Protein backbone atom coordinates (compact mmCIF):
# COMPACT_ATOMS: atom_id res chain seq x y z
CA MET A 1 -147.92 -45.62 9.45
CA THR A 2 -146.07 -42.53 9.89
CA VAL A 3 -147.17 -39.33 11.87
CA PRO A 4 -146.42 -36.05 11.08
CA LEU A 5 -144.77 -34.03 13.25
CA PRO A 6 -146.27 -30.51 14.33
CA PRO A 7 -144.67 -27.67 12.93
CA ALA A 8 -141.98 -25.75 15.01
CA PRO A 9 -143.49 -22.64 17.10
CA ALA A 10 -142.51 -19.43 15.50
CA SER A 11 -140.12 -17.17 17.35
CA PRO A 12 -141.75 -14.15 18.89
CA TYR A 13 -138.65 -12.07 17.52
CA PRO A 14 -138.53 -11.15 14.12
CA GLU A 15 -134.59 -11.40 13.80
CA ALA A 16 -132.57 -13.97 14.74
CA SER A 17 -129.70 -13.21 17.18
CA GLN A 18 -126.10 -12.49 15.67
CA ALA A 19 -124.86 -12.88 19.81
CA THR A 20 -122.86 -15.99 19.42
CA THR A 21 -121.01 -14.59 16.26
CA ILE A 22 -120.07 -11.61 18.36
CA LEU A 23 -118.60 -13.50 20.69
CA VAL A 24 -116.23 -15.89 18.40
CA LEU A 25 -115.03 -12.61 16.87
CA GLY A 26 -114.59 -10.82 19.65
CA ILE A 27 -112.76 -14.20 21.05
CA LEU A 28 -110.70 -14.12 18.03
CA SER A 29 -109.87 -10.68 18.32
CA LEU A 30 -108.01 -11.52 21.18
CA VAL A 31 -106.40 -14.54 20.17
CA CYS A 32 -104.91 -13.94 16.54
CA CYS A 33 -106.67 -11.18 14.99
CA SER A 34 -107.14 -7.65 16.54
CA PRO A 35 -108.90 -5.80 14.08
CA LEU A 36 -112.18 -8.54 14.18
CA GLY A 37 -112.04 -6.32 17.38
CA ILE A 38 -113.87 -3.69 15.54
CA VAL A 39 -116.35 -5.89 13.98
CA ALA A 40 -117.33 -7.41 17.36
CA LEU A 41 -117.66 -4.10 19.01
CA VAL A 42 -119.76 -2.40 16.08
CA MET A 43 -122.11 -5.96 15.84
CA GLY A 44 -122.37 -5.91 19.74
CA ASN A 45 -123.64 -2.61 20.01
CA ASN A 46 -126.17 -3.17 17.14
CA GLU A 47 -127.19 -6.90 18.99
CA ILE A 48 -127.78 -4.54 22.27
CA ARG A 49 -129.75 -2.17 20.32
CA ALA A 50 -132.15 -4.66 18.76
CA ILE A 51 -132.91 -6.36 21.91
CA ASP A 52 -133.55 -3.24 23.68
CA GLU A 53 -136.31 -2.95 20.64
CA GLY A 54 -137.56 -5.91 21.38
CA ARG A 55 -136.31 -7.30 17.77
CA ARG A 56 -134.26 -10.20 18.73
CA PRO A 57 -134.20 -12.38 22.06
CA PRO A 58 -133.18 -10.70 25.30
CA GLU A 59 -131.54 -14.42 26.30
CA ASN A 60 -128.58 -13.55 24.24
CA ARG A 61 -127.55 -10.11 25.76
CA GLY A 62 -124.97 -11.74 27.78
CA THR A 63 -123.40 -13.62 25.08
CA ALA A 64 -123.66 -10.29 22.93
CA ASN A 65 -122.10 -8.04 25.81
CA ALA A 66 -118.95 -10.67 26.55
CA GLY A 67 -118.23 -10.45 22.81
CA ARG A 68 -118.40 -7.00 22.82
CA ILE A 69 -116.14 -6.71 25.62
CA CYS A 70 -113.43 -8.94 24.43
CA GLY A 71 -113.75 -6.92 21.14
CA ILE A 72 -112.73 -3.77 23.14
CA ILE A 73 -110.13 -5.76 24.97
CA GLY A 74 -109.05 -6.67 21.53
CA LEU A 75 -108.90 -3.37 20.36
CA VAL A 76 -107.06 -1.98 23.34
CA ILE A 77 -104.46 -4.58 22.49
CA LEU A 78 -103.91 -3.71 18.76
CA GLY A 79 -103.68 0.28 20.19
CA LEU A 80 -100.81 -0.92 22.61
CA GLY A 81 -99.02 -3.09 20.16
CA LEU A 82 -99.20 0.01 17.80
CA VAL A 83 -97.53 2.18 20.12
CA LEU A 84 -95.14 0.16 20.90
CA LEU A 85 -94.22 -0.67 17.46
CA ALA A 86 -94.27 3.22 16.68
CA THR A 87 -92.09 3.85 19.71
CA GLY A 88 -89.49 1.06 18.62
CA MET A 89 -89.42 2.26 15.19
CA VAL A 90 -88.11 5.50 16.48
CA ALA A 91 -86.11 4.43 19.29
CA ILE A 92 -83.75 1.66 17.37
CA PRO A 93 -82.51 4.16 15.08
CA MET A 94 -81.77 6.44 17.75
CA LEU A 95 -79.86 3.73 19.64
CA ASN A 96 -78.16 2.46 17.03
CA GLU A 97 -76.56 6.17 16.14
CA THR A 98 -75.75 6.34 20.11
CA PHE A 99 -73.24 3.40 19.88
CA VAL A 100 -72.32 3.70 16.39
CA GLY A 101 -71.12 6.90 15.96
């Protein structure tokens, strides 16, 4: 005879946390795809706001904040890369004219 398991207790928070997703997106923005930093930053801000409003569990605040910070660093790397690309596109033709003609 099998005894049925009791139902799982309901969460006191109406929404599930997205902190792990935010952290994964933040790490991916550092490693391979910097534009994901925008998504991590926006989702991180929304998650922190939802935690402050009591809609999501506060235990995940550190994970959400870490993902948000990784997203910010990814965006800084993207910005530096774009600046270097732009200055390289300007500097290379100027160097070419200097040495050729």
